[in-house]
Amino acid sequence: MFEILIFAVALVSGATAAIVGFGIGSMLTPLLATSVGMSAAVAAVTIPHAIATAVRCWRLRQSIDRDVLPKDRIEEYYASYLAGIFRTVRFGTGEAHGRAEMMEFNVLRERGAIARNAEGRYEMALDRMPDAIAALAKELLEIEATGDRARAEAWFAKYDKMPAELRSALEAAKDLPVDVDPLVPFAEGVR
């Protein structure tokens, strides 16, 4: 009976996520927690969150390589992805999305795609981003496809913690506004 309930909630939350961009973790985590505990439930939902982000970013590169998106904006796309990571982890890493983004950050840092400079700011190594993201997506997809619990636990143990340097960078930015409403000029009026 529990499996049927999980399936039904997964179906509804997947449909919700497809329409509004959230739902899977916020709907499935509490239900899974009733069976496996909150820590395991958050972990179970974290990997799909990380997969979704990594594969979206990997597909972005594929779209550029196929001339679907302009090549001259690749740095902007990757910078937006990294800004999303920083914004998310700023709110903490206690839930699935925050944990997923923290792990992505750590993999990108380990692979040299991002690094902290002498002034304490993070810089992106554009030439390393595609390979780092591809490796990230591959590892996460393999963990999910094989259902290898030991591999998943090793992944969490290695990448799930916020580095002290990032914690201090976020602390230094604590007085900055969380969200900014950009003023975007439209070429034509909005209808």
C-alpha atoms as a PDB file:
ATOM      1  CA  MET A   1       0.000   0.000   0.000  1.00  0.00           C
ATOM      2  CA  PHE A   2       2.828   2.406   0.851  1.00  0.00           C
ATOM      3  CA  GLU A   3       4.395   1.804  -2.571  1.00  0.00           C
ATOM      4  CA  ILE A   4       1.133   2.786  -4.275  1.00  0.00           C
ATOM      5  CA  LEU A   5       0.976   5.959  -2.198  1.00  0.00           C
ATOM      6  CA  ILE A   6       4.617   6.790  -3.069  1.00  0.00           C
ATOM      7  CA  PHE A   7       3.852   6.232  -6.759  1.00  0.00           C
ATOM      8  CA  ALA A   8       0.768   8.470  -6.638  1.00  0.00           C
ATOM      9  CA  VAL A   9       2.589  11.275  -4.805  1.00  0.00           C
ATOM     10  CA  ALA A  10       5.582  10.947  -7.156  1.00  0.00           C
ATOM     11  CA  LEU A  11       3.270  11.239 -10.144  1.00  0.00           C
ATOM     12  CA  VAL A  12       1.508  14.321  -8.765  1.00  0.00           C
ATOM     13  CA  SER A  13       4.736  15.959  -7.616  1.00  0.00           C
ATOM     14  CA  GLY A  14       6.416  15.245 -10.953  1.00  0.00           C
ATOM     15  CA  ALA A  15       3.513  16.856 -12.794  1.00  0.00           C
ATOM     16  CA  THR A  16       3.628  19.806 -10.405  1.00  0.00           C
ATOM     17  CA  ALA A  17       7.379  20.185 -10.930  1.00  0.00           C
ATOM     18  CA  ALA A  18       6.940  20.082 -14.706  1.00  0.00           C
ATOM     19  CA  ILE A  19       4.492  22.973 -14.524  1.00  0.00           C
ATOM     20  CA  VAL A  20       5.738  25.204 -11.716  1.00  0.00           C
ATOM     21  CA  GLY A  21       9.341  24.092 -11.225  1.00  0.00           C
ATOM     22  CA  PHE A  22       9.064  22.626  -7.734  1.00  0.00           C
ATOM     23  CA  GLY A  23       7.146  19.881  -6.035  1.00  0.00           C
ATOM     24  CA  ILE A  24       9.084  16.642  -6.050  1.00  0.00           C
ATOM     25  CA  GLY A  25      11.141  17.255  -2.925  1.00  0.00           C
ATOM     26  CA  SER A  26       8.506  19.214  -1.057  1.00  0.00           C
ATOM     27  CA  MET A  27       5.877  16.542  -1.651  1.00  0.00           C
ATOM     28  CA  LEU A  28       7.898  13.330  -1.556  1.00  0.00           C
ATOM     29  CA  THR A  29      10.277  14.078   1.306  1.00  0.00           C
ATOM     30  CA  PRO A  30       7.627  14.192   4.075  1.00  0.00           C
ATOM     31  CA  LEU A  31       6.000  11.015   2.790  1.00  0.00           C
ATOM     32  CA  LEU A  32       9.292   9.138   2.532  1.00  0.00           C
ATOM     33  CA  ALA A  33      10.241  10.392   5.996  1.00  0.00           C
ATOM     34  CA  THR A  34       7.321   8.484   7.515  1.00  0.00           C
ATOM     35  CA  SER A  35       8.959   5.260   6.340  1.00  0.00           C
ATOM     36  CA  VAL A  36      12.736   5.828   6.328  1.00  0.00           C
ATOM     37  CA  GLY A  37      13.260   8.887   8.544  1.00  0.00           C
ATOM     38  CA  MET A  38      13.862  12.492   7.548  1.00  0.00           C
ATOM     39  CA  SER A  39      17.622  12.211   6.973  1.00  0.00           C
ATOM     40  CA  ALA A  40      17.278   9.288   4.549  1.00  0.00           C
ATOM     41  CA  ALA A  41      14.279  10.919   2.852  1.00  0.00           C
ATOM     42  CA  VAL A  42      16.202  14.139   2.199  1.00  0.00           C
ATOM     43  CA  ALA A  43      19.145  12.115   0.878  1.00  0.00           C
ATOM     44  CA  ALA A  44      16.853  10.123  -1.424  1.00  0.00           C
ATOM     45  CA  VAL A  45      15.498  13.312  -2.967  1.00  0.00           C
ATOM     46  CA  THR A  46      18.842  15.149  -3.094  1.00  0.00           C
ATOM     47  CA  ILE A  47      20.399  13.099  -5.893  1.00  0.00           C
ATOM     48  CA  PRO A  48      17.478  13.650  -8.314  1.00  0.00           C
ATOM     49  CA  HIS A  49      17.670  17.390  -7.554  1.00  0.00           C
ATOM     50  CA  ALA A  50      21.384  17.414  -8.384  1.00  0.00           C
ATOM     51  CA  ILE A  51      20.803  15.305 -11.500  1.00  0.00           C
ATOM     52  CA  ALA A  52      18.152  17.704 -12.779  1.00  0.00           C
ATOM     53  CA  THR A  53      20.443  20.710 -12.399  1.00  0.00           C
ATOM     54  CA  ALA A  54      23.561  19.024 -13.783  1.00  0.00           C
ATOM     55  CA  VAL A  55      21.790  17.488 -16.777  1.00  0.00           C
ATOM     56  CA  ARG A  56      20.045  20.794 -17.574  1.00  0.00           C
ATOM     57  CA  CYS A  57      23.421  22.518 -17.567  1.00  0.00           C
ATOM     58  CA  TRP A  58      24.989  19.723 -19.662  1.00  0.00           C
ATOM     59  CA  ARG A  59      22.099  19.956 -22.164  1.00  0.00           C
ATOM     60  CA  LEU A  60      22.675  23.695 -22.339  1.00  0.00           C
ATOM     61  CA  ARG A  61      26.126  23.014 -23.761  1.00  0.00           C
ATOM     62  CA  GLN A  62      24.651  20.512 -26.220  1.00  0.00           C
ATOM     63  CA  SER A  63      22.164  23.149 -27.381  1.00  0.00           C
ATOM     64  CA  ILE A  64      25.011  25.599 -27.958  1.00  0.00           C
ATOM     65  CA  ASP A  65      27.041  23.008 -29.867  1.00  0.00           C
ATOM     66  CA  ARG A  66      24.011  22.369 -32.098  1.00  0.00           C
ATOM     67  CA  ASP A  67      23.476  26.109 -32.733  1.00  0.00           C
ATOM     68  CA  VAL A  68      20.178  26.159 -30.853  1.00  0.00           C
ATOM     69  CA  LEU A  69      21.545  28.762 -28.424  1.00  0.00           C
ATOM     70  CA  PRO A  70      24.131  31.462 -29.190  1.00  0.00           C
ATOM     71  CA  LYS A  71      27.744  30.439 -28.513  1.00  0.00           C
ATOM     72  CA  ASP A  72      28.739  33.923 -27.391  1.00  0.00           C
ATOM     73  CA  ARG A  73      26.540  33.647 -24.280  1.00  0.00           C
ATOM     74  CA  ILE A  74      28.048  30.456 -22.811  1.00  0.00           C
ATOM     75  CA  GLU A  75      29.912  32.340 -20.094  1.00  0.00           C
ATOM     76  CA  GLU A  76      26.686  34.080 -19.110  1.00  0.00           C
ATOM     77  CA  TYR A  77      24.829  30.749 -18.940  1.00  0.00           C
ATOM     78  CA  TYR A  78      27.460  29.129 -16.736  1.00  0.00           C
ATOM     79  CA  ALA A  79      27.687  32.226 -14.539  1.00  0.00           C
ATOM     80  CA  SER A  80      23.931  32.078 -14.045  1.00  0.00           C
ATOM     81  CA  TYR A  81      24.196  28.409 -13.055  1.00  0.00           C
ATOM     82  CA  LEU A  82      26.909  29.241 -10.506  1.00  0.00           C
ATOM     83  CA  ALA A  83      24.940  32.212  -9.183  1.00  0.00           C
ATOM     84  CA  GLY A  84      22.042  29.837  -8.607  1.00  0.00           C
ATOM     85  CA  ILE A  85      24.300  27.579  -6.566  1.00  0.00           C
ATOM     86  CA  PHE A  86      25.519  30.483  -4.421  1.00  0.00           C
ATOM     87  CA  ARG A  87      21.989  31.789  -3.940  1.00  0.00           C
ATOM     88  CA  THR A  88      20.656  28.393  -2.918  1.00  0.00           C
ATOM     89  CA  VAL A  89      23.410  27.478  -0.456  1.00  0.00           C
ATOM     90  CA  ARG A  90      23.102  30.914   1.091  1.00  0.00           C
ATOM     91  CA  PHE A  91      19.771  29.695   2.514  1.00  0.00           C
ATOM     92  CA  GLY A  92      21.425  26.565   3.901  1.00  0.00           C
ATOM     93  CA  THR A  93      21.965  22.952   2.966  1.00  0.00           C
ATOM     94  CA  GLY A  94      19.495  21.219   5.264  1.00  0.00           C
ATOM     95  CA  GLU A  95      16.992  20.312   2.562  1.00  0.00           C
ATOM     96  CA  ALA A  96      17.364  18.377  -0.682  1.00  0.00           C
ATOM     97  CA  HIS A  97      17.858  21.294  -3.065  1.00  0.00           C
ATOM     98  CA  GLY A  98      20.453  22.973  -0.850  1.00  0.00           C
ATOM     99  CA  ARG A  99      22.336  19.701  -0.363  1.00  0.00           C
ATOM    100  CA  ALA A 100      22.284  19.048  -4.104  1.00  0.00           C
ATOM    101  CA  GLU A 101      23.686  22.482  -4.891  1.00  0.00           C
ATOM    102  CA  MET A 102      26.353  22.112  -2.192  1.00  0.00           C
ATOM    103  CA  MET A 103      27.515  18.850  -3.742  1.00  0.00           C
ATOM    104  CA  GLU A 104      27.577  20.405  -7.199  1.00  0.00           C
ATOM    105  CA  PHE A 105      29.666  23.293  -5.883  1.00  0.00           C
ATOM    106  CA  ASN A 106      32.176  20.903  -4.302  1.00  0.00           C
ATOM    107  CA  VAL A 107      32.541  18.829  -7.472  1.00  0.00           C
ATOM    108  CA  LEU A 108      33.044  21.936  -9.616  1.00  0.00           C
ATOM    109  CA  ARG A 109      35.612  23.234  -7.133  1.00  0.00           C
ATOM    110  CA  GLU A 110      37.428  19.891  -7.008  1.00  0.00           C
ATOM    111  CA  ARG A 111      37.632  19.805 -10.811  1.00  0.00           C
ATOM    112  CA  GLY A 112      38.952  23.373 -11.003  1.00  0.00           C
ATOM    113  CA  ALA A 113      35.864  24.805 -12.696  1.00  0.00           C
ATOM    114  CA  ILE A 114      35.511  27.326  -9.871  1.00  0.00           C
ATOM    115  CA  ALA A 115      38.108  28.625  -7.429  1.00  0.00           C
ATOM    116  CA  ARG A 116      38.464  31.372  -4.878  1.00  0.00           C
ATOM    117  CA  ASN A 117      40.950  34.062  -5.882  1.00  0.00           C
ATOM    118  CA  ALA A 118      43.346  36.064  -3.684  1.00  0.00           C
ATOM    119  CA  GLU A 119      40.672  38.708  -3.045  1.00  0.00           C
ATOM    120  CA  GLY A 120      38.306  36.051  -1.705  1.00  0.00           C
ATOM    121  CA  ARG A 121      35.977  36.034  -4.711  1.00  0.00           C
ATOM    122  CA  TYR A 122      35.063  33.001  -6.735  1.00  0.00           C
ATOM    123  CA  GLU A 123      36.093  32.779 -10.353  1.00  0.00           C
ATOM    124  CA  MET A 124      34.920  30.432 -13.052  1.00  0.00           C
ATOM    125  CA  ALA A 125      37.326  28.546 -15.318  1.00  0.00           C
ATOM    126  CA  LEU A 126      35.166  28.535 -18.435  1.00  0.00           C
ATOM    127  CA  ASP A 127      37.319  25.946 -20.187  1.00  0.00           C
ATOM    128  CA  ARG A 128      36.803  23.458 -17.328  1.00  0.00           C
ATOM    129  CA  MET A 129      33.051  23.863 -16.903  1.00  0.00           C
ATOM    130  CA  PRO A 130      31.854  21.488 -19.667  1.00  0.00           C
ATOM    131  CA  ASP A 131      33.959  18.533 -18.492  1.00  0.00           C
ATOM    132  CA  ALA A 132      33.205  19.162 -14.826  1.00  0.00           C
ATOM    133  CA  ILE A 133      29.464  19.293 -15.470  1.00  0.00           C
ATOM    134  CA  ALA A 134      29.572  16.207 -17.704  1.00  0.00           C
ATOM    135  CA  ALA A 135      31.457  14.265 -15.014  1.00  0.00           C
ATOM    136  CA  LEU A 136      29.016  15.457 -12.357  1.00  0.00           C
ATOM    137  CA  ALA A 137      25.982  14.395 -14.399  1.00  0.00           C
ATOM    138  CA  LYS A 138      27.545  11.038 -15.293  1.00  0.00           C
ATOM    139  CA  GLU A 139      28.369  10.150 -11.693  1.00  0.00           C
ATOM    140  CA  LEU A 140      24.954  11.136 -10.366  1.00  0.00           C
ATOM    141  CA  LEU A 141      23.108   9.315 -13.149  1.00  0.00           C
ATOM    142  CA  GLU A 142      25.161   6.177 -12.515  1.00  0.00           C
ATOM    143  CA  ILE A 143      24.465   6.327  -8.779  1.00  0.00           C
ATOM    144  CA  GLU A 144      20.755   6.612  -9.443  1.00  0.00           C
ATOM    145  CA  ALA A 145      20.673   4.009 -12.223  1.00  0.00           C
ATOM    146  CA  THR A 146      22.550   1.369 -10.237  1.00  0.00           C
ATOM    147  CA  GLY A 147      20.885   2.131  -6.916  1.00  0.00           C
ATOM    148  CA  ASP A 148      24.294   1.646  -5.329  1.00  0.00           C
ATOM    149  CA  ARG A 149      23.707   2.786  -1.760  1.00  0.00           C
ATOM    150  CA  ALA A 150      27.368   2.529  -0.746  1.00  0.00           C
ATOM    151  CA  ARG A 151      28.383   4.687  -3.708  1.00  0.00           C
ATOM    152  CA  ALA A 152      25.694   7.237  -2.837  1.00  0.00           C
ATOM    153  CA  GLU A 153      26.792   7.315   0.805  1.00  0.00           C
ATOM    154  CA  ALA A 154      30.416   7.799  -0.257  1.00  0.00           C
ATOM    155  CA  TRP A 155      29.302  10.636  -2.555  1.00  0.00           C
ATOM    156  CA  PHE A 156      27.450  12.365   0.285  1.00  0.00           C
ATOM    157  CA  ALA A 157      30.365  11.875   2.675  1.00  0.00           C
ATOM    158  CA  LYS A 158      32.765  13.484   0.209  1.00  0.00           C
ATOM    159  CA  TYR A 159      30.700  16.341  -1.229  1.00  0.00           C
ATOM    160  CA  ASP A 160      27.888  17.143   1.207  1.00  0.00           C
ATOM    161  CA  LYS A 161      29.732  19.575   3.498  1.00  0.00           C
ATOM    162  CA  MET A 162      30.086  23.321   3.058  1.00  0.00           C
ATOM    163  CA  PRO A 163      33.785  24.279   2.891  1.00  0.00           C
ATOM    164  CA  ALA A 164      34.941  26.836   5.449  1.00  0.00           C
ATOM    165  CA  GLU A 165      36.039  29.210   2.654  1.00  0.00           C
ATOM    166  CA  LEU A 166      32.525  29.238   1.195  1.00  0.00           C
ATOM    167  CA  ARG A 167      30.969  29.680   4.625  1.00  0.00           C
ATOM    168  CA  SER A 168      33.152  32.745   5.217  1.00  0.00           C
ATOM    169  CA  ALA A 169      32.364  34.143   1.743  1.00  0.00           C
ATOM    170  CA  LEU A 170      28.648  33.783   2.392  1.00  0.00           C
ATOM    171  CA  GLU A 171      29.035  35.345   5.835  1.00  0.00           C
ATOM    172  CA  ALA A 172      30.796  38.328   4.233  1.00  0.00           C
ATOM    173  CA  ALA A 173      27.809  38.745   1.885  1.00  0.00           C
ATOM    174  CA  LYS A 174      25.113  38.384   4.547  1.00  0.00           C
ATOM    175  CA  ASP A 175      24.039  42.041   4.322  1.00  0.00           C
ATOM    176  CA  LEU A 176      23.425  41.900   0.576  1.00  0.00           C
ATOM    177  CA  PRO A 177      19.785  41.619  -0.501  1.00  0.00           C
ATOM    178  CA  VAL A 178      18.646  38.055  -1.047  1.00  0.00           C
ATOM    179  CA  ASP A 179      16.657  38.831  -4.175  1.00  0.00           C
ATOM    180  CA  VAL A 180      17.006  41.693  -6.590  1.00  0.00           C
ATOM    181  CA  ASP A 181      14.271  42.688  -9.011  1.00  0.00           C
ATOM    182  CA  PRO A 182      16.072  43.421 -12.268  1.00  0.00           C
ATOM    183  CA  LEU A 183      14.877  46.121 -14.602  1.00  0.00           C
ATOM    184  CA  VAL A 184      14.751  44.510 -18.014  1.00  0.00           C
ATOM    185  CA  PRO A 185      14.137  46.705 -21.045  1.00  0.00           C
ATOM    186  CA  PHE A 186      11.817  45.013 -23.510  1.00  0.00           C
ATOM    187  CA  ALA A 187      12.276  45.628 -27.216  1.00  0.00           C
ATOM    188  CA  GLU A 188       8.525  45.935 -27.509  1.00  0.00           C
ATOM    189  CA  GLY A 189       5.753  46.409 -25.001  1.00  0.00           C
ATOM    190  CA  VAL A 190       4.534  43.493 -22.949  1.00  0.00           C
ATOM    191  CA  ARG A 191       1.088  42.377 -24.046  1.00  0.00           C
END
